[in-house]
Amino acid sequence: MRSIAFLMKRLFLCIAPIIALLCVVTSCQDTSEENEANTQQVDNTIHYGSTLTALPRLSDAAKSQTISWSVFEDFEMNAQRLKNQTIPTLQDMATKLTQQTDSLLIKIPDTINTPYIYARLSLANTRAKILKQLAHQNNVDSLKLERGLTEMNIAVQNLFIEMNRTFTKSKIDDELKETEKKELEKQRKFLDSVYKSELQDNKENGV
């Protein structure tokens, strides 16, 4: 009986630390999961990008060139909605912006495909991918996310400004060509008039 009691005691002494260790591990795991859930809950209530500036409005000339440019309207709408959004919304929007800029780069209409517009669209595509990575991190870095939003906002601003500049210049060039054409036509009519007047004078003078 003494040997059985002694063995039971030794067995208990061996098992007790293991049970205690399992309790500690389980407790730590529960605490970790709880902290993670709490962190995620807090992140979902925070709004980012509250200081983003409004995007410039595309001119009618620039807007007319984007009608046949697939998904540009959706891209413009999502870029305008980045301000003051929560993490889940930013995750969705950053994913869409990445997909949309990928699509826009694949096929650019000839009237839009200038080196300057392409370069700015490429940068917007890069910024969208970076923003997507930042928004999908397990532990979101607020400062980096705010910086990513600002850089995305600036990239789209520069794209729209370049588009407006391109088509404003194109419109001015067209107007200059039209003005030059009218001036040449006016001069031609004047010369014709002078020529006809000279012929009439010559007839009257019997020349």
N, C-alpha and C. Protein backbone atom coordinates (compact mmCIF):
# COMPACT_ATOMS: atom_id res chain seq x y z
N MET A 1 0.84 -1.22 0.00
CA MET A 1 0.00 0.00 0.00
C MET A 1 0.86 1.25 0.00
N ARG A 2 1.98 1.18 0.81
CA ARG A 2 2.86 2.35 0.84
C ARG A 2 3.48 2.62 -0.52
N SER A 3 3.89 1.52 -1.22
CA SER A 3 4.50 1.72 -2.54
C SER A 3 3.51 2.31 -3.53
N ILE A 4 2.23 1.88 -3.45
CA ILE A 4 1.21 2.43 -4.37
C ILE A 4 1.00 3.91 -4.08
N ALA A 5 0.93 4.24 -2.79
CA ALA A 5 0.74 5.65 -2.42
C ALA A 5 1.93 6.49 -2.87
N PHE A 6 3.13 5.89 -2.73
CA PHE A 6 4.34 6.60 -3.12
C PHE A 6 4.35 6.85 -4.63
N LEU A 7 3.94 5.83 -5.40
CA LEU A 7 3.90 5.96 -6.86
C LEU A 7 2.86 7.00 -7.29
N MET A 8 1.72 6.97 -6.64
CA MET A 8 0.66 7.95 -6.96
C MET A 8 1.15 9.37 -6.70
N LYS A 9 1.90 9.50 -5.58
CA LYS A 9 2.42 10.82 -5.23
C LYS A 9 3.42 11.29 -6.27
N ARG A 10 4.32 10.37 -6.71
CA ARG A 10 5.32 10.73 -7.72
C ARG A 10 4.65 11.07 -9.05
N LEU A 11 3.62 10.29 -9.38
CA LEU A 11 2.90 10.54 -10.63
C LEU A 11 2.23 11.91 -10.62
N PHE A 12 1.63 12.24 -9.47
CA PHE A 12 0.97 13.54 -9.35
C PHE A 12 1.97 14.68 -9.48
N LEU A 13 3.16 14.47 -8.85
CA LEU A 13 4.20 15.51 -8.92
C LEU A 13 4.70 15.71 -10.35
N CYS A 14 4.69 14.65 -11.14
CA CYS A 14 5.12 14.75 -12.55
C CYS A 14 4.06 15.41 -13.43
N ILE A 15 2.80 15.06 -13.16
CA ILE A 15 1.71 15.56 -14.01
C ILE A 15 1.35 17.00 -13.67
N ALA A 16 1.46 17.38 -12.41
CA ALA A 16 1.03 18.71 -11.97
C ALA A 16 1.69 19.85 -12.77
N PRO A 17 3.03 19.83 -12.99
CA PRO A 17 3.65 20.92 -13.77
C PRO A 17 3.13 20.98 -15.19
N ILE A 18 2.86 19.79 -15.77
CA ILE A 18 2.35 19.77 -17.15
C ILE A 18 0.97 20.41 -17.21
N ILE A 19 0.12 20.07 -16.25
CA ILE A 19 -1.23 20.66 -16.19
C ILE A 19 -1.14 22.17 -16.00
N ALA A 20 -0.24 22.59 -15.12
CA ALA A 20 -0.07 24.03 -14.87
C ALA A 20 0.40 24.75 -16.12
N LEU A 21 1.34 24.12 -16.87
CA LEU A 21 1.86 24.72 -18.10
C LEU A 21 0.77 24.86 -19.15
N LEU A 22 -0.06 23.81 -19.27
CA LEU A 22 -1.16 23.86 -20.23
C LEU A 22 -2.14 24.98 -19.89
N CYS A 23 -2.39 25.16 -18.60
CA CYS A 23 -3.30 26.23 -18.16
C CYS A 23 -2.74 27.60 -18.52
N VAL A 24 -1.42 27.76 -18.32
CA VAL A 24 -0.78 29.04 -18.63
C VAL A 24 -0.84 29.33 -20.13
N VAL A 25 -0.52 28.29 -20.95
CA VAL A 25 -0.54 28.46 -22.41
C VAL A 25 -1.94 28.82 -22.90
N THR A 26 -2.94 28.11 -22.36
CA THR A 26 -4.33 28.37 -22.76
C THR A 26 -4.75 29.77 -22.37
N SER A 27 -4.35 30.19 -21.17
CA SER A 27 -4.68 31.52 -20.69
C SER A 27 -4.04 32.59 -21.57
N CYS A 28 -2.76 32.38 -21.93
CA CYS A 28 -2.04 33.35 -22.78
C CYS A 28 -2.68 33.43 -24.15
N GLN A 29 -3.08 32.27 -24.68
CA GLN A 29 -3.69 32.24 -25.99
C GLN A 29 -5.02 32.99 -25.99
N ASP A 30 -5.82 32.75 -24.94
CA ASP A 30 -7.10 33.46 -24.83
C ASP A 30 -6.89 34.96 -24.72
N THR A 31 -5.87 35.34 -23.92
CA THR A 31 -5.57 36.77 -23.75
C THR A 31 -5.13 37.39 -25.06
N SER A 32 -4.28 36.64 -25.81
CA SER A 32 -3.79 37.13 -27.10
C SER A 32 -4.93 37.32 -28.08
N GLU A 33 -5.82 36.32 -28.14
CA GLU A 33 -6.96 36.42 -29.04
C GLU A 33 -7.88 37.56 -28.65
N GLU A 34 -8.04 37.74 -27.34
CA GLU A 34 -8.90 38.82 -26.86
C GLU A 34 -8.30 40.17 -27.21
N ASN A 35 -6.96 40.30 -27.02
CA ASN A 35 -6.29 41.56 -27.35
C ASN A 35 -6.37 41.85 -28.84
N GLU A 36 -6.20 40.77 -29.64
CA GLU A 36 -6.27 40.95 -31.09
C GLU A 36 -7.67 41.39 -31.51
N ALA A 37 -8.68 40.78 -30.90
CA ALA A 37 -10.06 41.15 -31.22
C ALA A 37 -10.34 42.59 -30.81
N ASN A 38 -9.80 42.97 -29.63
CA ASN A 38 -10.01 44.34 -29.17
C ASN A 38 -9.32 45.34 -30.08
N THR A 39 -8.08 44.97 -30.52
CA THR A 39 -7.34 45.86 -31.40
C THR A 39 -8.08 46.04 -32.71
N GLN A 40 -8.56 44.91 -33.26
CA GLN A 40 -9.29 44.98 -34.52
C GLN A 40 -10.55 45.81 -34.38
N GLN A 41 -11.22 45.67 -33.26
CA GLN A 41 -12.44 46.43 -33.02
C GLN A 41 -12.15 47.92 -32.96
N VAL A 42 -11.05 48.30 -32.30
CA VAL A 42 -10.68 49.71 -32.21
C VAL A 42 -10.33 50.26 -33.58
N ASP A 43 -9.55 49.47 -34.38
CA ASP A 43 -9.16 49.90 -35.73
C ASP A 43 -10.37 50.16 -36.61
N ASN A 44 -11.38 49.35 -36.45
CA ASN A 44 -12.57 49.47 -37.29
C ASN A 44 -13.40 50.71 -36.97
N THR A 45 -13.11 51.35 -35.87
CA THR A 45 -13.87 52.56 -35.53
C THR A 45 -13.10 53.83 -35.87
N ILE A 46 -11.83 53.68 -36.26
CA ILE A 46 -11.01 54.86 -36.56
C ILE A 46 -11.18 55.24 -38.02
N HIS A 47 -11.29 56.54 -38.28
CA HIS A 47 -11.41 57.05 -39.65
C HIS A 47 -10.07 57.65 -40.09
N TYR A 48 -9.67 57.32 -41.29
CA TYR A 48 -8.39 57.78 -41.83
C TYR A 48 -8.60 58.70 -43.03
N GLY A 49 -7.58 59.53 -43.28
CA GLY A 49 -7.62 60.41 -44.46
C GLY A 49 -8.51 61.63 -44.31
N SER A 50 -8.71 62.08 -43.09
CA SER A 50 -9.61 63.23 -42.88
C SER A 50 -9.05 64.53 -43.44
N THR A 51 -7.72 64.59 -43.68
CA THR A 51 -7.10 65.84 -44.16
C THR A 51 -6.85 65.83 -45.67
N LEU A 52 -7.33 64.81 -46.36
CA LEU A 52 -7.10 64.75 -47.81
C LEU A 52 -7.79 65.91 -48.51
N THR A 53 -7.11 66.48 -49.50
CA THR A 53 -7.70 67.59 -50.26
C THR A 53 -8.56 67.07 -51.40
N ALA A 54 -9.51 67.88 -51.79
CA ALA A 54 -10.42 67.48 -52.87
C ALA A 54 -9.66 67.37 -54.19
N LEU A 55 -10.05 66.42 -55.00
CA LEU A 55 -9.41 66.25 -56.30
C LEU A 55 -9.88 67.32 -57.27
N PRO A 56 -9.00 67.75 -58.18
CA PRO A 56 -9.42 68.76 -59.17
C PRO A 56 -10.48 68.21 -60.10
N ARG A 57 -11.37 69.06 -60.53
CA ARG A 57 -12.43 68.63 -61.44
C ARG A 57 -11.87 68.54 -62.85
N LEU A 58 -12.20 67.44 -63.51
CA LEU A 58 -11.75 67.29 -64.90
C LEU A 58 -12.53 68.25 -65.80
N SER A 59 -11.82 68.87 -66.72
CA SER A 59 -12.47 69.78 -67.66
C SER A 59 -13.38 68.98 -68.59
N ASP A 60 -14.30 69.68 -69.23
CA ASP A 60 -15.21 69.01 -70.17
C ASP A 60 -14.43 68.36 -71.31
N ALA A 61 -13.36 69.05 -71.74
CA ALA A 61 -12.53 68.50 -72.83
C ALA A 61 -11.88 67.19 -72.41
N ALA A 62 -11.34 67.16 -71.17
CA ALA A 62 -10.70 65.94 -70.66
C ALA A 62 -11.74 64.86 -70.40
N LYS A 63 -12.88 65.26 -69.85
CA LYS A 63 -13.94 64.31 -69.51
C LYS A 63 -14.44 63.59 -70.77
N SER A 64 -14.56 64.33 -71.85
CA SER A 64 -15.09 63.74 -73.08
C SER A 64 -14.17 62.65 -73.64
N GLN A 65 -12.87 62.76 -73.30
CA GLN A 65 -11.91 61.77 -73.80
C GLN A 65 -11.91 60.48 -72.99
N THR A 66 -12.53 60.51 -71.82
CA THR A 66 -12.52 59.32 -70.94
C THR A 66 -13.77 58.46 -71.10
N ILE A 67 -14.71 58.90 -71.94
CA ILE A 67 -15.98 58.18 -72.07
C ILE A 67 -15.74 56.72 -72.49
N SER A 68 -14.81 56.53 -73.41
CA SER A 68 -14.55 55.17 -73.91
C SER A 68 -13.43 54.48 -73.15
N TRP A 69 -12.93 55.12 -72.08
CA TRP A 69 -11.82 54.54 -71.31
C TRP A 69 -12.40 53.68 -70.19
N SER A 70 -12.32 52.39 -70.37
CA SER A 70 -12.96 51.44 -69.45
C SER A 70 -12.60 51.69 -67.99
N VAL A 71 -13.58 51.64 -67.13
CA VAL A 71 -13.55 51.77 -65.67
C VAL A 71 -12.99 53.11 -65.16
N PHE A 72 -12.73 54.07 -66.04
CA PHE A 72 -12.18 55.34 -65.53
C PHE A 72 -13.16 56.03 -64.60
N GLU A 73 -14.43 56.00 -64.92
CA GLU A 73 -15.44 56.66 -64.08
C GLU A 73 -15.47 56.04 -62.68
N ASP A 74 -15.36 54.71 -62.60
CA ASP A 74 -15.34 54.03 -61.31
C ASP A 74 -14.06 54.38 -60.54
N PHE A 75 -12.95 54.45 -61.25
CA PHE A 75 -11.67 54.83 -60.64
C PHE A 75 -11.76 56.24 -60.06
N GLU A 76 -12.31 57.16 -60.82
CA GLU A 76 -12.45 58.54 -60.36
C GLU A 76 -13.33 58.61 -59.11
N MET A 77 -14.42 57.87 -59.10
CA MET A 77 -15.35 57.87 -57.97
C MET A 77 -14.68 57.33 -56.71
N ASN A 78 -13.96 56.22 -56.82
CA ASN A 78 -13.29 55.63 -55.66
C ASN A 78 -12.18 56.53 -55.15
N ALA A 79 -11.45 57.16 -56.04
CA ALA A 79 -10.37 58.07 -55.63
C ALA A 79 -10.93 59.26 -54.86
N GLN A 80 -12.12 59.70 -55.24
CA GLN A 80 -12.75 60.83 -54.56
C GLN A 80 -13.30 60.44 -53.18
N ARG A 81 -13.51 59.16 -52.93
CA ARG A 81 -14.14 58.71 -51.69
C ARG A 81 -13.14 58.24 -50.63
N LEU A 82 -11.85 58.44 -50.86
CA LEU A 82 -10.84 57.96 -49.91
C LEU A 82 -10.86 58.71 -48.58
N LYS A 83 -11.39 59.91 -48.58
CA LYS A 83 -11.33 60.75 -47.38
C LYS A 83 -12.22 60.23 -46.26
N ASN A 84 -11.62 60.20 -45.04
CA ASN A 84 -12.37 59.91 -43.81
C ASN A 84 -13.09 58.56 -43.83
N GLN A 85 -12.33 57.49 -44.10
CA GLN A 85 -12.90 56.15 -44.18
C GLN A 85 -12.28 55.23 -43.13
N THR A 86 -13.00 54.15 -42.81
CA THR A 86 -12.51 53.15 -41.85
C THR A 86 -11.66 52.11 -42.57
N ILE A 87 -10.98 51.27 -41.79
CA ILE A 87 -10.10 50.25 -42.35
C ILE A 87 -10.84 49.31 -43.33
N PRO A 88 -11.98 48.73 -42.94
CA PRO A 88 -12.66 47.81 -43.88
C PRO A 88 -13.00 48.49 -45.21
N THR A 89 -13.46 49.73 -45.14
CA THR A 89 -13.80 50.46 -46.37
C THR A 89 -12.55 50.73 -47.20
N LEU A 90 -11.47 51.12 -46.55
CA LEU A 90 -10.21 51.40 -47.26
C LEU A 90 -9.65 50.14 -47.89
N GLN A 91 -9.80 49.01 -47.20
CA GLN A 91 -9.33 47.75 -47.77
C GLN A 91 -10.05 47.46 -49.08
N ASP A 92 -11.35 47.64 -49.09
CA ASP A 92 -12.15 47.39 -50.29
C ASP A 92 -11.81 48.39 -51.39
N MET A 93 -11.69 49.66 -51.03
CA MET A 93 -11.43 50.69 -52.03
C MET A 93 -10.02 50.58 -52.61
N ALA A 94 -9.04 50.27 -51.76
CA ALA A 94 -7.66 50.13 -52.23
C ALA A 94 -7.54 48.95 -53.20
N THR A 95 -8.26 47.88 -52.91
CA THR A 95 -8.27 46.73 -53.82
C THR A 95 -8.87 47.11 -55.16
N LYS A 96 -9.98 47.83 -55.13
CA LYS A 96 -10.63 48.27 -56.37
C LYS A 96 -9.75 49.24 -57.15
N LEU A 97 -9.11 50.18 -56.45
CA LEU A 97 -8.23 51.14 -57.13
C LEU A 97 -7.06 50.44 -57.80
N THR A 98 -6.54 49.42 -57.15
CA THR A 98 -5.44 48.65 -57.75
C THR A 98 -5.91 47.95 -59.02
N GLN A 99 -7.05 47.30 -58.94
CA GLN A 99 -7.59 46.61 -60.11
C GLN A 99 -7.92 47.58 -61.24
N GLN A 100 -8.49 48.73 -60.87
CA GLN A 100 -8.90 49.70 -61.89
C GLN A 100 -7.71 50.35 -62.58
N THR A 101 -6.67 50.71 -61.82
CA THR A 101 -5.50 51.32 -62.45
C THR A 101 -4.74 50.28 -63.29
N ASP A 102 -4.75 49.02 -62.85
CA ASP A 102 -4.18 47.95 -63.68
C ASP A 102 -4.89 47.90 -65.03
N SER A 103 -6.22 47.95 -64.98
CA SER A 103 -7.04 47.89 -66.19
C SER A 103 -6.81 49.12 -67.08
N LEU A 104 -6.74 50.30 -66.46
CA LEU A 104 -6.56 51.53 -67.22
C LEU A 104 -5.22 51.54 -67.96
N LEU A 105 -4.20 50.95 -67.35
CA LEU A 105 -2.87 50.93 -67.97
C LEU A 105 -2.81 49.97 -69.16
N ILE A 106 -3.66 48.96 -69.16
CA ILE A 106 -3.62 47.96 -70.23
C ILE A 106 -4.01 48.57 -71.57
N LYS A 107 -5.05 49.39 -71.55
CA LYS A 107 -5.52 49.97 -72.81
C LYS A 107 -5.88 51.43 -72.60
N ILE A 108 -5.00 52.30 -73.06
CA ILE A 108 -5.22 53.74 -72.97
C ILE A 108 -5.61 54.26 -74.35
N PRO A 109 -6.71 55.00 -74.46
CA PRO A 109 -7.10 55.56 -75.75
C PRO A 109 -5.97 56.41 -76.35
N ASP A 110 -5.85 56.39 -77.65
CA ASP A 110 -4.76 57.11 -78.32
C ASP A 110 -4.75 58.59 -77.97
N THR A 111 -5.92 59.17 -77.81
CA THR A 111 -5.98 60.61 -77.52
C THR A 111 -5.49 60.94 -76.11
N ILE A 112 -5.44 59.92 -75.24
CA ILE A 112 -5.01 60.12 -73.86
C ILE A 112 -3.59 59.63 -73.63
N ASN A 113 -3.13 58.76 -74.49
CA ASN A 113 -1.85 58.07 -74.28
C ASN A 113 -0.64 58.96 -74.61
N THR A 114 -0.41 59.96 -73.75
CA THR A 114 0.79 60.77 -73.87
C THR A 114 1.79 60.27 -72.82
N PRO A 115 3.08 60.53 -73.00
CA PRO A 115 4.08 60.07 -72.01
C PRO A 115 3.82 60.62 -70.62
N TYR A 116 3.34 61.87 -70.54
CA TYR A 116 3.11 62.50 -69.22
C TYR A 116 1.92 61.87 -68.51
N ILE A 117 0.84 61.62 -69.24
CA ILE A 117 -0.34 60.99 -68.62
C ILE A 117 -0.02 59.56 -68.23
N TYR A 118 0.69 58.83 -69.08
CA TYR A 118 1.05 57.45 -68.77
C TYR A 118 1.91 57.37 -67.51
N ALA A 119 2.87 58.28 -67.39
CA ALA A 119 3.76 58.28 -66.22
C ALA A 119 2.98 58.53 -64.94
N ARG A 120 2.04 59.46 -64.98
CA ARG A 120 1.26 59.79 -63.78
C ARG A 120 0.26 58.69 -63.44
N LEU A 121 -0.27 58.02 -64.45
CA LEU A 121 -1.16 56.88 -64.20
C LEU A 121 -0.38 55.71 -63.61
N SER A 122 0.83 55.49 -64.08
CA SER A 122 1.68 54.43 -63.54
C SER A 122 1.98 54.68 -62.06
N LEU A 123 2.24 55.95 -61.73
CA LEU A 123 2.51 56.29 -60.33
C LEU A 123 1.27 56.07 -59.48
N ALA A 124 0.09 56.43 -59.99
CA ALA A 124 -1.16 56.21 -59.26
C ALA A 124 -1.38 54.71 -59.04
N ASN A 125 -1.02 53.89 -60.01
CA ASN A 125 -1.13 52.44 -59.89
C ASN A 125 -0.21 51.92 -58.77
N THR A 126 1.01 52.44 -58.73
CA THR A 126 1.96 52.05 -57.68
C THR A 126 1.46 52.46 -56.30
N ARG A 127 0.95 53.68 -56.19
CA ARG A 127 0.43 54.17 -54.91
C ARG A 127 -0.78 53.35 -54.46
N ALA A 128 -1.61 52.92 -55.39
CA ALA A 128 -2.79 52.12 -55.05
C ALA A 128 -2.35 50.76 -54.48
N LYS A 129 -1.32 50.17 -55.05
CA LYS A 129 -0.83 48.88 -54.57
C LYS A 129 -0.21 49.00 -53.18
N ILE A 130 0.52 50.09 -52.96
CA ILE A 130 1.10 50.32 -51.63
C ILE A 130 -0.01 50.54 -50.60
N LEU A 131 -1.01 51.32 -50.97
CA LEU A 131 -2.14 51.57 -50.07
C LEU A 131 -2.87 50.27 -49.74
N LYS A 132 -3.02 49.41 -50.71
CA LYS A 132 -3.66 48.11 -50.49
C LYS A 132 -2.88 47.29 -49.46
N GLN A 133 -1.57 47.27 -49.59
CA GLN A 133 -0.72 46.52 -48.65
C GLN A 133 -0.85 47.09 -47.24
N LEU A 134 -0.82 48.41 -47.12
CA LEU A 134 -0.90 49.05 -45.81
C LEU A 134 -2.25 48.80 -45.14
N ALA A 135 -3.31 48.85 -45.92
CA ALA A 135 -4.66 48.68 -45.36
C ALA A 135 -4.95 47.24 -44.95
N HIS A 136 -4.24 46.29 -45.54
CA HIS A 136 -4.49 44.87 -45.25
C HIS A 136 -3.52 44.28 -44.22
N GLN A 137 -2.67 45.09 -43.64
CA GLN A 137 -1.76 44.58 -42.61
C GLN A 137 -2.54 44.16 -41.36
N ASN A 138 -2.04 43.13 -40.67
CA ASN A 138 -2.70 42.67 -39.45
C ASN A 138 -2.70 43.75 -38.38
N ASN A 139 -1.55 44.37 -38.19
CA ASN A 139 -1.44 45.49 -37.25
C ASN A 139 -1.18 46.76 -38.06
N VAL A 140 -2.23 47.49 -38.34
CA VAL A 140 -2.14 48.66 -39.20
C VAL A 140 -1.33 49.76 -38.53
N ASP A 141 -0.35 50.27 -39.25
CA ASP A 141 0.44 51.41 -38.79
C ASP A 141 -0.29 52.68 -39.24
N SER A 142 -0.87 53.40 -38.28
CA SER A 142 -1.70 54.56 -38.60
C SER A 142 -0.94 55.63 -39.39
N LEU A 143 0.30 55.91 -38.99
CA LEU A 143 1.09 56.95 -39.65
C LEU A 143 1.39 56.56 -41.10
N LYS A 144 1.78 55.29 -41.30
CA LYS A 144 2.09 54.84 -42.66
C LYS A 144 0.83 54.83 -43.53
N LEU A 145 -0.29 54.45 -42.93
CA LEU A 145 -1.54 54.42 -43.69
C LEU A 145 -1.95 55.84 -44.09
N GLU A 146 -1.83 56.80 -43.18
CA GLU A 146 -2.15 58.19 -43.50
C GLU A 146 -1.23 58.71 -44.61
N ARG A 147 0.06 58.35 -44.53
CA ARG A 147 1.01 58.78 -45.55
C ARG A 147 0.65 58.14 -46.89
N GLY A 148 0.26 56.86 -46.85
CA GLY A 148 -0.13 56.17 -48.08
C GLY A 148 -1.36 56.80 -48.72
N LEU A 149 -2.31 57.21 -47.91
CA LEU A 149 -3.51 57.89 -48.42
C LEU A 149 -3.15 59.22 -49.05
N THR A 150 -2.28 59.97 -48.39
CA THR A 150 -1.86 61.28 -48.91
C THR A 150 -1.14 61.13 -50.25
N GLU A 151 -0.25 60.15 -50.33
CA GLU A 151 0.50 59.93 -51.56
C GLU A 151 -0.41 59.46 -52.69
N MET A 152 -1.41 58.66 -52.37
CA MET A 152 -2.38 58.23 -53.38
C MET A 152 -3.18 59.42 -53.87
N ASN A 153 -3.60 60.26 -52.93
CA ASN A 153 -4.37 61.44 -53.26
C ASN A 153 -3.58 62.39 -54.17
N ILE A 154 -2.32 62.61 -53.86
CA ILE A 154 -1.47 63.49 -54.66
C ILE A 154 -1.25 62.90 -56.05
N ALA A 155 -1.05 61.59 -56.13
CA ALA A 155 -0.83 60.94 -57.42
C ALA A 155 -2.04 61.12 -58.35
N VAL A 156 -3.24 60.98 -57.79
CA VAL A 156 -4.45 61.16 -58.61
C VAL A 156 -4.63 62.63 -58.97
N GLN A 157 -4.33 63.53 -58.04
CA GLN A 157 -4.38 64.96 -58.35
C GLN A 157 -3.50 65.29 -59.55
N ASN A 158 -2.26 64.80 -59.51
CA ASN A 158 -1.31 65.08 -60.59
C ASN A 158 -1.77 64.49 -61.92
N LEU A 159 -2.41 63.32 -61.85
CA LEU A 159 -2.95 62.71 -63.07
C LEU A 159 -4.04 63.57 -63.67
N PHE A 160 -4.98 64.03 -62.84
CA PHE A 160 -6.09 64.86 -63.33
C PHE A 160 -5.59 66.21 -63.85
N ILE A 161 -4.63 66.79 -63.15
CA ILE A 161 -4.06 68.08 -63.59
C ILE A 161 -3.41 67.94 -64.95
N GLU A 162 -2.66 66.85 -65.13
CA GLU A 162 -1.99 66.62 -66.41
C GLU A 162 -3.01 66.39 -67.53
N MET A 163 -4.08 65.68 -67.23
CA MET A 163 -5.12 65.45 -68.24
C MET A 163 -5.76 66.77 -68.64
N ASN A 164 -6.07 67.62 -67.65
CA ASN A 164 -6.65 68.92 -67.96
C ASN A 164 -5.70 69.77 -68.79
N ARG A 165 -4.41 69.74 -68.41
CA ARG A 165 -3.41 70.53 -69.13
C ARG A 165 -3.28 70.05 -70.58
N THR A 166 -3.27 68.74 -70.75
CA THR A 166 -3.11 68.17 -72.09
C THR A 166 -4.25 68.57 -73.01
N PHE A 167 -5.48 68.45 -72.51
CA PHE A 167 -6.61 68.72 -73.39
C PHE A 167 -6.94 70.21 -73.48
N THR A 168 -6.50 70.98 -72.50
CA THR A 168 -6.62 72.43 -72.63
C THR A 168 -5.67 72.92 -73.72
N LYS A 169 -4.44 72.40 -73.71
CA LYS A 169 -3.46 72.74 -74.74
C LYS A 169 -3.95 72.30 -76.11
N SER A 170 -4.52 71.09 -76.15
CA SER A 170 -5.04 70.58 -77.41
C SER A 170 -6.17 71.46 -77.94
N LYS A 171 -7.01 71.92 -77.02
CA LYS A 171 -8.12 72.79 -77.42
C LYS A 171 -7.60 74.12 -77.93
N ILE A 172 -6.59 74.67 -77.25
CA ILE A 172 -5.99 75.94 -77.69
C ILE A 172 -5.36 75.79 -79.06
N ASP A 173 -4.65 74.66 -79.25
CA ASP A 173 -4.02 74.41 -80.56
C ASP A 173 -5.07 74.32 -81.65
N ASP A 174 -6.18 73.66 -81.36
CA ASP A 174 -7.25 73.55 -82.34
C ASP A 174 -7.84 74.91 -82.65
N GLU A 175 -8.01 75.74 -81.61
CA GLU A 175 -8.55 77.08 -81.81
C GLU A 175 -7.60 77.94 -82.63
N LEU A 176 -6.30 77.80 -82.38
CA LEU A 176 -5.31 78.56 -83.16
C LEU A 176 -5.33 78.14 -84.62
N LYS A 177 -5.43 76.83 -84.83
CA LYS A 177 -5.49 76.33 -86.21
C LYS A 177 -6.74 76.84 -86.92
N GLU A 178 -7.86 76.84 -86.19
CA GLU A 178 -9.10 77.33 -86.78
C GLU A 178 -9.01 78.83 -87.08
N THR A 179 -8.40 79.59 -86.15
CA THR A 179 -8.22 81.03 -86.37
C THR A 179 -7.31 81.29 -87.57
N GLU A 180 -6.23 80.51 -87.66
CA GLU A 180 -5.29 80.66 -88.78
C GLU A 180 -5.98 80.32 -90.10
N LYS A 181 -6.81 79.28 -90.08
CA LYS A 181 -7.53 78.88 -91.27
C LYS A 181 -8.48 79.99 -91.73
N LYS A 182 -9.18 80.60 -90.77
CA LYS A 182 -10.11 81.68 -91.10
C LYS A 182 -9.36 82.90 -91.64
N GLU A 183 -8.19 83.18 -91.05
CA GLU A 183 -7.40 84.32 -91.50
C GLU A 183 -6.89 84.11 -92.92
N LEU A 184 -6.45 82.90 -93.22
CA LEU A 184 -5.97 82.58 -94.57
C LEU A 184 -7.11 82.68 -95.58
N GLU A 185 -8.30 82.22 -95.17
CA GLU A 185 -9.47 82.32 -96.05
C GLU A 185 -9.84 83.77 -96.30
N LYS A 186 -9.72 84.58 -95.26
CA LYS A 186 -10.02 86.01 -95.38
C LYS A 186 -9.05 86.69 -96.34
N GLN A 187 -7.76 86.32 -96.19
CA GLN A 187 -6.75 86.89 -97.08
C GLN A 187 -6.96 86.45 -98.53
N ARG A 188 -7.35 85.19 -98.69
CA ARG A 188 -7.59 84.69 -100.05
C ARG A 188 -8.73 85.44 -100.72
N LYS A 189 -9.79 85.66 -99.95
CA LYS A 189 -10.94 86.39 -100.50
C LYS A 189 -10.55 87.83 -100.85
N PHE A 190 -9.72 88.41 -100.00
CA PHE A 190 -9.28 89.79 -100.26
C PHE A 190 -8.45 89.86 -101.55
N LEU A 191 -7.54 88.91 -101.72
CA LEU A 191 -6.70 88.89 -102.92
C LEU A 191 -7.54 88.63 -104.17
N ASP A 192 -8.53 87.75 -104.03
CA ASP A 192 -9.44 87.51 -105.16
C ASP A 192 -10.18 88.77 -105.53
N SER A 193 -10.60 89.50 -104.51
CA SER A 193 -11.33 90.74 -104.74
C SER A 193 -10.45 91.77 -105.45
N VAL A 194 -9.21 91.88 -105.02
CA VAL A 194 -8.26 92.82 -105.63
C VAL A 194 -8.00 92.43 -107.08
N TYR A 195 -7.83 91.12 -107.31
CA TYR A 195 -7.55 90.63 -108.65
C TYR A 195 -8.72 90.94 -109.59
N LYS A 196 -9.94 90.68 -109.10
CA LYS A 196 -11.13 90.95 -109.91
C LYS A 196 -11.27 92.44 -110.18
N SER A 197 -10.95 93.25 -109.19
CA SER A 197 -11.04 94.70 -109.37
C SER A 197 -10.05 95.17 -110.42
N GLU A 198 -8.85 94.59 -110.41
CA GLU A 198 -7.85 94.97 -111.41
C GLU A 198 -8.28 94.56 -112.81
N LEU A 199 -8.89 93.38 -112.92
CA LEU A 199 -9.39 92.94 -114.23
C LEU A 199 -10.46 93.88 -114.75
N GLN A 200 -11.34 94.30 -113.87
CA GLN A 200 -12.41 95.21 -114.25
C GLN A 200 -11.85 96.55 -114.72
N ASP A 201 -10.85 97.05 -113.99
CA ASP A 201 -10.21 98.31 -114.37
C ASP A 201 -9.54 98.20 -115.73
N ASN A 202 -8.90 97.06 -115.94
CA ASN A 202 -8.21 96.85 -117.22
C ASN A 202 -9.19 96.82 -118.37
N LYS A 203 -10.36 96.21 -118.16
CA LYS A 203 -11.37 96.15 -119.20
C LYS A 203 -11.88 97.54 -119.52
N GLU A 204 -12.14 98.29 -118.48
CA GLU A 204 -12.68 99.65 -118.67
C GLU A 204 -11.66 100.55 -119.36
N ASN A 205 -10.38 100.29 -119.13
CA ASN A 205 -9.34 101.12 -119.74
C ASN A 205 -8.89 100.58 -121.09
N GLY A 206 -9.52 99.48 -121.48
CA GLY A 206 -9.21 98.89 -122.78
C GLY A 206 -7.85 98.24 -122.84
N VAL A 207 -7.39 97.82 -121.74
CA VAL A 207 -6.07 97.15 -121.71
C VAL A 207 -6.23 95.70 -122.10
